[in-house]
Every structure is written in structure tokens, then in C-alpha cells.
Amino acid sequence: MRKLQMAVLIVAMAAFAGMAVAQTPAPATTPAWADPANWKSVKPTVTDDIVYATVPHIANPSAEASPNPGTPNGIRPPLPNTGPAGTLDMHLDVYQVPSDKPTPVVIQLHGGGWIRGDRPSGSGSFGAFFAAGMSVVAVQYRNAIDAPAPAAIEDVRCAMSWIKKNAKKYNFDPNRVIPWGGSAGGHLALMAGYAPASFNPAGCTDQPKVVAVIDMYGASDVVESLTFHGSMDFTHQWIGLDLPLPREPAPAAASTPGAASTEPANPDGMPRPRAQAPRWSDPTDAMIARAKEVSPLTYIHPGLPPTFIINGDSDHTYNPTQSYKLKAALDAAHVPNEEDIVAGGGHGNFSPAENQKGTLLWMQFLHDNGVF
């Protein structure tokens, strides 16, 4: 394994530095997925905009009373509903790799603080999975404006059930499913692998086997997220049990003509903190109970799927100590895990070199844990 890891890092450093791979040839034993030069070589069959469930729209005053978080770049455009009034169609996209045997399935879950975002418009970040012979399913779920917690978790569970039900059609291996996401998507990936069957809606009880989880800077302790400065606004909106307080007076700089009120989104779709973000009261007992109910840390026990965690040590959106607490809890439960802490890294705003390193590390982790 150490020889393979060394080969992976040599190839990665050579590729990022612009060196010709031929100048530093990888050992013959280096698999295709370990060479970033191969990440664009596999062309999957794409079937997009599949309706996997029609779910109720549930009023959420917490989100409705908050400013519109905007639409991030690089996501699929919205589609018209085909279901009854008061419902929402949930869609997914299948990226099926060519294979003569059933493939592992990565479930991609987008970020956006549970309040915005959708499936990516392309598969540019999926190449390492394709090179390893893994198909990808990108999943839409209800954002906070569509329904409060725990609706997003329930939607993910329904998408997982759809994957198992349609395994033969798309050549999936329902015994090798890997939830993967960043930010809110990282939290949902953890809940996909950890949460009990009580989160499975009616008709979605037949679940596939989750064999690993990839958590990119997701919340593991939603109770803490209710009061942490970078996450309290969107977490309150998603929990959906209170209303924002009146805004404080606008800072002088924010009232300058032409001044932007919203900074660009982070690469994962999470909005950056905005001036005059809504303020919230201290969490009530009911809110704390709901936040604990949807926290991955609540469900740590022996036998959970192996988990890879990546986070920046300067994350100002979620407290980075959440990742440390998650790893400590997994260690105590003897759940296989690995953590990549990016020095100086923020909330997914990593350099291309760090992104590539992280991908190689989690691919190695999946390989070492027998996922592929």
C-alpha cells in the first residue's frame, strides 16, 4: 500500500507541476485512477433530469422571511413540476461508466448550506471516480425554502432507494454505494451513511449498502452550527423553528452607492457571509433537539461505513473543530477513517494542488477499504 501511495503522490506532483508524465514514469502497478492524466479519459453515458420522487412542499417561514440566498453558478436550470399542486419533483442525473460487471455508485450531494444549489451542470469533478470504474449519481434535494429539516435527509434516502430499485437498469452494484458531498452535502453524505431507518420515508425503506462516506467540510454537529457565526444564519433557516430578528443598522460601508451586498459564492456553492446577515435568538430546547436529531455525531457507533474527512483549518463557515470531533468519535467507535486537514484552507476554497491531493487521498482510502 505504501508503494502505491508513493506512486500516487509522485504522479500527482508531476502532473500539477506541468512535468511530462513520461519524464517521471509511474510504476507499472499504478492504477488508472491514481494518475490525474487519466481523469478525463473515461466517457460515461449520461441520463439526466430523472424524477426519482415527487415530494410535498412544506412551508418554512424561517427561510421565507430571510433574504434570497441567490443562485450559484454551475448548476442545472430548474425544471417544471409534473406532479400535483403543492408538490415538487426531485431529480437526479446518472453518469454510468462502461463496465461488464456492476459498478460501485458514488452519490454526489451538492453544498449550499441547505438553502440553495442543485446538481452540477457537468461531470468535471467526477473524473477520478470514472477512472476507477465507479458510476456517479448527482442528486437534487429540497432546500430550506422548499421544506425544513429533516426533508433534505429524507430526499437523499429516497434517492438511495431509487438507486437500489434501478440497479439492474444502470448496471449499479447496490452493495457498494458511496455518499459524497461538500459543506451541506458533506453533512448529508454523513447522514446517508449513519442515520437510522427512521429517516426513510414511506416507499423508500429498501436501502442499498453504504460502504464508505466522503465528507468534505460538512457539519457533524448541527447544534453547534446554530450559534457559530459563519453558519448560524442558514442553519436556523434549515431547522425552521424560528424567525430572524430585525436587522441591525446597516454599516456605513454597506450603504455606499454601488457597493455590493453579496460576495461571490464559494466554489462548492455556499454563499459567503453577507453584510447585515439576519440575527437569530438563542436556540430553544426544541431547536436544539431537532439539530441534535439531524447531527451525524448523534449516530456514531461501531460498524459504521469507513469515512474520509477533509477540511481546512481556517474554515469560517463551519467550525473546523467539528471535523476533529467527528474523527475522535469515529476513532472511539473503531470506525475506519482518515482525515486530511488543509493548512490555511477555508471552506472548500482550496488550491488546485490541494484539491488534487485530497482527491487522490480519498481514492486511495476507498481502494484500501475494498470499495473498488
Protein backbone atom coordinates (compact mmCIF):
# COMPACT_ATOMS: atom_id res chain seq x y z
CA MET A 1 0.00 0.00 0.00
CA ARG A 2 2.84 2.41 0.83
CA LYS A 3 4.41 1.84 -2.60
CA LEU A 4 1.08 2.61 -4.22
CA GLN A 5 0.64 5.75 -2.13
CA MET A 6 4.12 6.94 -3.11
CA ALA A 7 3.35 6.30 -6.77
CA VAL A 8 0.11 8.25 -6.43
CA LEU A 9 1.83 11.27 -4.93
CA ILE A 10 4.68 11.21 -7.47
CA VAL A 11 2.24 11.19 -10.36
CA ALA A 12 0.12 13.93 -8.76
CA MET A 13 3.05 16.26 -8.12
CA ALA A 14 4.39 15.71 -11.61
CA ALA A 15 1.05 16.43 -13.21
CA PHE A 16 0.42 19.59 -11.19
CA ALA A 17 3.90 20.99 -11.78
CA GLY A 18 3.38 20.67 -15.52
CA MET A 19 6.01 17.95 -15.86
CA ALA A 20 5.51 15.39 -18.59
CA VAL A 21 4.45 12.12 -17.03
CA ALA A 22 6.89 10.42 -19.37
CA GLN A 23 9.77 12.16 -17.56
CA THR A 24 8.74 10.53 -14.28
CA PRO A 25 7.12 7.28 -15.34
CA ALA A 26 4.73 5.75 -12.88
CA PRO A 27 5.35 2.17 -11.88
CA ALA A 28 3.52 -0.41 -13.95
CA THR A 29 1.40 -1.23 -10.90
CA THR A 30 -0.05 2.30 -10.65
CA PRO A 31 -3.79 2.05 -11.38
CA ALA A 32 -5.52 4.38 -13.82
CA TRP A 33 -7.35 6.33 -11.11
CA ALA A 34 -4.06 7.24 -9.40
CA ASP A 35 -2.87 9.29 -12.40
CA PRO A 36 -4.76 12.59 -12.82
CA ALA A 37 -3.89 12.46 -16.51
CA ASN A 38 -6.47 9.68 -16.80
CA TRP A 39 -9.32 11.52 -15.10
CA LYS A 40 -10.78 12.71 -18.40
CA SER A 41 -10.26 9.51 -20.32
CA VAL A 42 -13.49 7.69 -19.36
CA LYS A 43 -16.66 8.98 -21.01
CA PRO A 44 -19.78 7.93 -19.11
CA THR A 45 -23.25 7.53 -20.52
CA VAL A 46 -25.31 10.41 -19.13
CA THR A 47 -29.03 10.17 -18.36
CA ASP A 48 -30.13 13.41 -16.77
CA ASP A 49 -33.19 15.00 -15.18
CA ILE A 50 -34.70 11.73 -13.95
CA VAL A 51 -37.57 12.25 -11.49
CA TYR A 52 -36.80 9.94 -8.58
CA ALA A 53 -39.57 11.19 -6.26
CA THR A 54 -42.39 13.72 -6.05
CA VAL A 55 -42.43 15.20 -2.57
CA PRO A 56 -44.54 17.76 -0.69
CA HIS A 57 -43.64 21.41 -0.50
CA ILE A 58 -43.67 22.26 3.21
CA ALA A 59 -43.97 25.90 4.26
CA ASN A 60 -40.89 27.15 6.10
CA PRO A 61 -41.28 30.71 7.46
CA SER A 62 -37.68 30.70 8.70
CA ALA A 63 -36.41 30.55 5.13
CA GLU A 64 -39.25 32.60 3.61
CA ALA A 65 -38.53 35.53 5.94
CA SER A 66 -34.81 35.52 5.13
CA PRO A 67 -33.11 37.20 2.17
CA ASN A 68 -32.95 35.22 -1.06
CA PRO A 69 -29.57 33.45 -0.98
CA GLY A 70 -29.22 33.68 -4.75
CA THR A 71 -28.37 31.02 -7.28
CA PRO A 72 -24.79 29.74 -7.52
CA ASN A 73 -23.07 29.25 -10.84
CA GLY A 74 -22.60 25.89 -12.48
CA ILE A 75 -25.86 24.20 -11.53
CA ARG A 76 -28.63 22.76 -13.67
CA PRO A 77 -31.54 25.08 -14.51
CA PRO A 78 -34.83 24.41 -12.72
CA LEU A 79 -37.41 22.21 -14.41
CA PRO A 80 -41.21 22.45 -14.36
CA ASN A 81 -43.09 20.23 -11.95
CA THR A 82 -45.11 17.35 -13.33
CA GLY A 83 -46.79 16.37 -10.05
CA PRO A 84 -49.87 17.72 -8.27
CA ALA A 85 -50.07 21.23 -6.87
CA GLY A 86 -48.17 21.59 -3.61
CA THR A 87 -45.55 19.04 -4.62
CA LEU A 88 -42.03 19.18 -6.03
CA ASP A 89 -40.29 16.84 -8.45
CA MET A 90 -36.88 15.74 -7.24
CA HIS A 91 -34.38 14.93 -9.99
CA LEU A 92 -31.13 13.06 -10.33
CA ASP A 93 -28.54 12.58 -13.06
CA VAL A 94 -26.87 9.25 -13.81
CA TYR A 95 -23.29 9.09 -15.07
CA GLN A 96 -22.87 5.42 -15.98
CA VAL A 97 -19.36 4.16 -16.74
CA PRO A 98 -18.90 1.33 -19.24
CA SER A 99 -18.35 -1.97 -17.43
CA ASP A 100 -19.03 -5.66 -17.95
CA LYS A 101 -19.95 -6.02 -14.28
CA PRO A 102 -21.99 -3.91 -11.83
CA THR A 103 -20.18 -0.77 -10.73
CA PRO A 104 -19.89 0.96 -7.36
CA VAL A 105 -22.07 4.09 -7.19
CA VAL A 106 -20.98 7.47 -5.84
CA ILE A 107 -23.90 9.67 -4.72
CA GLN A 108 -22.95 13.32 -5.28
CA LEU A 109 -24.68 15.77 -2.89
CA HIS A 110 -24.29 19.49 -3.52
CA GLY A 111 -23.45 22.18 -0.98
CA GLY A 112 -25.21 25.46 -0.33
CA GLY A 113 -25.98 25.50 3.40
CA TRP A 114 -29.23 23.54 2.88
CA ILE A 115 -30.69 26.79 1.47
CA ARG A 116 -29.58 26.87 -2.18
CA GLY A 117 -28.00 24.96 -5.04
CA ASP A 118 -28.75 21.91 -7.14
CA ARG A 119 -26.96 19.24 -9.15
CA PRO A 120 -23.87 20.38 -11.08
CA SER A 121 -24.33 21.12 -14.77
CA GLY A 122 -21.46 18.80 -15.71
CA SER A 123 -19.26 15.96 -14.52
CA GLY A 124 -15.91 17.77 -14.42
CA SER A 125 -15.21 16.83 -10.80
CA PHE A 126 -16.14 13.14 -11.19
CA GLY A 127 -13.19 12.01 -13.34
CA ALA A 128 -11.26 10.12 -10.67
CA PHE A 129 -14.35 8.03 -9.90
CA PHE A 130 -14.89 7.27 -13.58
CA ALA A 131 -11.24 6.23 -13.96
CA ALA A 132 -11.74 3.78 -11.08
CA GLY A 133 -14.79 2.22 -12.74
CA MET A 134 -17.33 3.94 -10.49
CA SER A 135 -20.59 5.44 -11.70
CA VAL A 136 -21.95 8.68 -10.21
CA VAL A 137 -25.50 9.78 -9.40
CA ALA A 138 -25.96 13.51 -8.72
CA VAL A 139 -28.99 14.17 -6.51
CA GLN A 140 -31.34 17.11 -6.04
CA TYR A 141 -32.93 17.54 -2.61
CA ARG A 142 -35.31 20.05 -1.07
CA ASN A 143 -33.61 23.26 0.05
CA ALA A 144 -34.90 25.12 3.12
CA ILE A 145 -37.29 27.28 1.09
CA ASP A 146 -38.94 24.03 -0.10
CA ALA A 147 -39.12 22.30 3.29
CA PRO A 148 -37.36 22.50 6.67
CA ALA A 149 -35.19 19.79 8.22
CA PRO A 150 -35.17 16.84 8.01
CA ALA A 151 -36.67 16.87 4.48
CA ALA A 152 -33.29 17.02 2.72
CA ILE A 153 -32.12 13.88 4.54
CA GLU A 154 -35.33 12.07 3.63
CA ASP A 155 -34.89 13.04 -0.03
CA VAL A 156 -31.39 11.61 -0.07
CA ARG A 157 -32.71 8.37 1.41
CA CYS A 158 -35.35 8.21 -1.34
CA ALA A 159 -32.67 8.76 -3.98
CA MET A 160 -30.69 5.89 -2.45
CA SER A 161 -33.76 3.67 -2.59
CA TRP A 162 -34.20 4.62 -6.27
CA ILE A 163 -30.60 3.57 -6.92
CA LYS A 164 -31.23 0.14 -5.46
CA LYS A 165 -34.52 -0.25 -7.33
CA ASN A 166 -32.86 0.69 -10.64
CA ALA A 167 -29.54 -1.09 -10.08
CA LYS A 168 -30.01 -3.61 -12.87
CA LYS A 169 -31.09 -0.98 -15.42
CA TYR A 170 -27.98 1.15 -14.87
CA ASN A 171 -25.53 -1.64 -14.00
CA PHE A 172 -25.12 -0.45 -10.40
CA ASP A 173 -23.84 -2.59 -7.55
CA PRO A 174 -26.35 -1.81 -4.76
CA ASN A 175 -23.91 -3.30 -2.22
CA ARG A 176 -21.28 -0.64 -2.96
CA VAL A 177 -22.74 2.83 -2.53
CA ILE A 178 -20.62 5.85 -1.51
CA PRO A 179 -22.28 9.16 -0.49
CA TRP A 180 -20.01 12.13 -1.23
CA GLY A 181 -20.57 15.84 -0.75
CA GLY A 182 -19.20 19.19 0.33
CA SER A 183 -20.49 21.58 3.01
CA ALA A 184 -24.23 20.84 3.45
CA GLY A 185 -23.64 17.98 1.01
CA GLY A 186 -20.93 16.62 3.30
CA HIS A 187 -23.38 16.65 6.20
CA LEU A 188 -25.98 14.86 4.06
CA ALA A 189 -23.40 12.30 2.95
CA LEU A 190 -22.68 11.53 6.61
CA MET A 191 -26.38 11.22 7.39
CA ALA A 192 -26.86 8.99 4.35
CA GLY A 193 -24.37 6.58 5.86
CA TYR A 194 -25.05 6.99 9.57
CA ALA A 195 -28.71 7.86 10.20
CA PRO A 196 -31.18 5.20 11.37
CA ALA A 197 -34.05 3.79 9.31
CA SER A 198 -36.45 6.28 10.92
CA PHE A 199 -35.27 8.78 8.27
CA ASN A 200 -36.50 6.55 5.43
CA PRO A 201 -39.82 7.88 4.08
CA ALA A 202 -42.63 5.53 3.11
CA GLY A 203 -41.77 3.84 -0.15
CA CYS A 204 -38.03 4.37 0.39
CA THR A 205 -37.34 1.73 3.01
CA ASP A 206 -35.38 -0.66 0.76
CA GLN A 207 -31.91 0.87 1.05
CA PRO A 208 -28.63 -0.09 -0.66
CA LYS A 209 -25.45 -0.79 1.32
CA VAL A 210 -23.28 2.23 2.09
CA VAL A 211 -19.67 1.02 2.09
CA ALA A 212 -17.91 4.38 2.60
CA VAL A 213 -18.61 8.09 3.09
CA ILE A 214 -16.63 11.06 1.76
CA ASP A 215 -17.26 14.17 3.88
CA MET A 216 -15.86 17.42 2.55
CA TYR A 217 -16.09 20.10 5.28
CA GLY A 218 -19.63 19.14 6.27
CA ALA A 219 -21.34 19.81 9.60
CA SER A 220 -21.22 16.91 12.03
CA ASP A 221 -22.64 18.87 14.99
CA VAL A 222 -25.64 20.90 13.81
CA VAL A 223 -26.31 22.07 17.39
CA GLU A 224 -23.03 23.98 17.32
CA SER A 225 -23.83 25.31 13.83
CA LEU A 226 -26.87 27.12 15.28
CA THR A 227 -24.61 29.52 17.18
CA PHE A 228 -21.34 29.58 15.18
CA HIS A 229 -21.10 32.95 13.40
CA GLY A 230 -20.43 31.58 9.91
CA SER A 231 -23.23 29.02 9.92
CA MET A 232 -25.99 30.27 12.22
CA ASP A 233 -27.98 32.09 9.52
CA PHE A 234 -28.51 29.22 7.10
CA THR A 235 -28.70 26.61 9.87
CA HIS A 236 -31.60 28.45 11.54
CA GLN A 237 -33.31 28.71 8.16
CA TRP A 238 -33.00 24.98 7.56
CA ILE A 239 -34.06 23.91 11.06
CA GLY A 240 -37.14 26.05 10.53
CA LEU A 241 -38.39 26.63 14.07
CA ASP A 242 -37.92 30.41 14.50
CA LEU A 243 -37.83 33.71 12.62
CA PRO A 244 -34.95 36.15 12.10
CA LEU A 245 -34.82 39.18 14.37
CA PRO A 246 -34.94 42.71 12.91
CA ARG A 247 -31.77 43.71 11.15
CA GLU A 248 -29.22 45.85 12.91
CA PRO A 249 -28.49 49.29 11.39
CA ALA A 250 -26.51 48.99 8.17
CA PRO A 251 -22.78 49.74 8.43
CA ALA A 252 -21.75 52.92 6.63
CA ALA A 253 -19.68 50.99 4.09
CA ALA A 254 -22.63 48.86 3.10
CA SER A 255 -24.73 51.93 2.25
CA THR A 256 -22.15 53.32 -0.17
CA PRO A 257 -23.74 53.71 -3.64
CA GLY A 258 -22.71 50.83 -5.87
CA ALA A 259 -21.47 48.70 -3.01
CA ALA A 260 -22.18 45.01 -3.46
CA SER A 261 -24.32 43.42 -0.78
CA THR A 262 -23.31 39.87 -1.61
CA GLU A 263 -19.86 38.49 -2.31
CA PRO A 264 -19.32 35.76 -4.92
CA ALA A 265 -20.15 32.21 -3.93
CA ASN A 266 -17.53 29.73 -2.82
CA PRO A 267 -16.68 27.03 -5.38
CA ASP A 268 -18.98 24.50 -3.69
CA GLY A 269 -22.00 26.81 -4.00
CA MET A 270 -22.03 28.03 -0.40
CA PRO A 271 -22.71 31.79 -0.20
CA ARG A 272 -20.07 33.79 1.55
CA PRO A 273 -21.14 35.76 4.66
CA ARG A 274 -23.09 38.86 3.63
CA ALA A 275 -23.30 42.26 5.27
CA GLN A 276 -26.24 42.60 7.65
CA ALA A 277 -26.99 38.89 7.82
CA PRO A 278 -30.19 38.17 9.78
CA ARG A 279 -29.80 37.77 13.53
CA TRP A 280 -31.41 34.96 15.49
CA SER A 281 -32.46 34.38 19.07
CA ASP A 282 -30.69 31.81 21.19
CA PRO A 283 -31.80 28.29 20.24
CA THR A 284 -34.77 26.92 22.15
CA ASP A 285 -34.87 23.43 23.58
CA ALA A 286 -36.98 22.31 20.62
CA MET A 287 -34.44 23.69 18.14
CA ILE A 288 -31.55 22.03 19.95
CA ALA A 289 -33.44 18.74 19.95
CA ARG A 290 -34.11 18.99 16.19
CA ALA A 291 -30.49 19.97 15.49
CA LYS A 292 -29.25 17.00 17.51
CA GLU A 293 -31.65 14.75 15.64
CA VAL A 294 -30.05 15.74 12.30
CA SER A 295 -26.44 15.70 13.56
CA PRO A 296 -24.19 12.87 12.36
CA LEU A 297 -22.41 12.86 15.75
CA THR A 298 -25.64 11.63 17.31
CA TYR A 299 -25.40 8.33 15.44
CA ILE A 300 -21.78 7.25 15.87
CA HIS A 301 -21.46 3.58 16.76
CA PRO A 302 -19.25 0.62 15.81
CA GLY A 303 -19.88 -0.79 12.37
CA LEU A 304 -20.46 2.48 10.50
CA PRO A 305 -19.04 2.80 6.97
CA PRO A 306 -15.38 3.85 6.63
CA THR A 307 -15.29 7.64 6.45
CA PHE A 308 -12.89 10.08 4.78
CA ILE A 309 -12.94 13.66 6.14
CA ILE A 310 -11.38 16.72 4.50
CA ASN A 311 -11.47 20.26 5.87
CA GLY A 312 -9.48 23.46 6.06
CA ASP A 313 -8.09 24.53 9.41
CA SER A 314 -9.24 28.12 8.72
CA ASP A 315 -12.84 27.32 7.83
CA HIS A 316 -15.01 30.26 8.92
CA THR A 317 -18.32 28.76 7.75
CA TYR A 318 -18.39 25.66 9.93
CA ASN A 319 -16.18 25.50 12.98
CA PRO A 320 -13.32 23.22 11.82
CA THR A 321 -13.27 21.58 15.25
CA GLN A 322 -16.40 19.75 14.11
CA SER A 323 -14.22 17.61 11.85
CA TYR A 324 -11.88 16.89 14.74
CA LYS A 325 -14.79 15.86 16.96
CA LEU A 326 -16.11 13.60 14.22
CA LYS A 327 -12.77 11.87 13.81
CA ALA A 328 -12.37 11.43 17.57
CA ALA A 329 -15.84 9.88 17.82
CA LEU A 330 -15.16 7.54 14.90
CA ASP A 331 -11.84 6.52 16.45
CA ALA A 332 -13.55 5.78 19.76
CA ALA A 333 -16.11 3.60 17.94
CA HIS A 334 -13.32 1.86 15.96
CA VAL A 335 -14.78 3.00 12.64
CA PRO A 336 -12.08 3.16 9.92
CA ASN A 337 -11.47 6.78 8.98
CA GLU A 338 -8.91 9.19 7.64
CA GLU A 339 -8.69 12.97 7.88
CA ASP A 340 -7.00 15.46 5.55
CA ILE A 341 -6.68 18.86 7.19
CA VAL A 342 -5.66 21.54 4.69
CA ALA A 343 -3.29 24.02 6.33
CA GLY A 344 -4.62 27.54 5.79
CA GLY A 345 -7.61 26.15 3.91
CA GLY A 346 -11.03 27.74 4.19
CA HIS A 347 -14.47 26.36 3.46
CA GLY A 348 -13.51 24.35 0.40
CA ASN A 349 -11.63 27.26 -1.13
CA PHE A 350 -8.57 25.06 -1.65
CA SER A 351 -5.82 25.45 -4.20
CA PRO A 352 -5.82 23.19 -7.29
CA ALA A 353 -2.89 21.28 -5.80
CA GLU A 354 -4.76 20.66 -2.53
CA ASN A 355 -7.91 19.63 -4.39
CA GLN A 356 -5.94 17.12 -6.39
CA LYS A 357 -4.14 15.82 -3.32
CA GLY A 358 -7.42 15.40 -1.45
CA THR A 359 -8.98 13.50 -4.34
CA LEU A 360 -6.03 11.13 -4.54
CA LEU A 361 -6.13 10.57 -0.78
CA TRP A 362 -9.83 9.68 -0.69
CA MET A 363 -9.48 7.47 -3.76
CA GLN A 364 -6.66 5.64 -2.01
CA PHE A 365 -8.84 5.38 1.11
CA LEU A 366 -11.69 3.85 -0.91
CA HIS A 367 -9.27 1.41 -2.53
CA ASP A 368 -7.72 0.39 0.78
CA ASN A 369 -11.17 -0.25 2.25
CA GLY A 370 -12.17 -2.55 -0.59
CA VAL A 371 -14.72 -0.26 -2.24
CA PHE A 372 -13.20 -0.89 -5.68
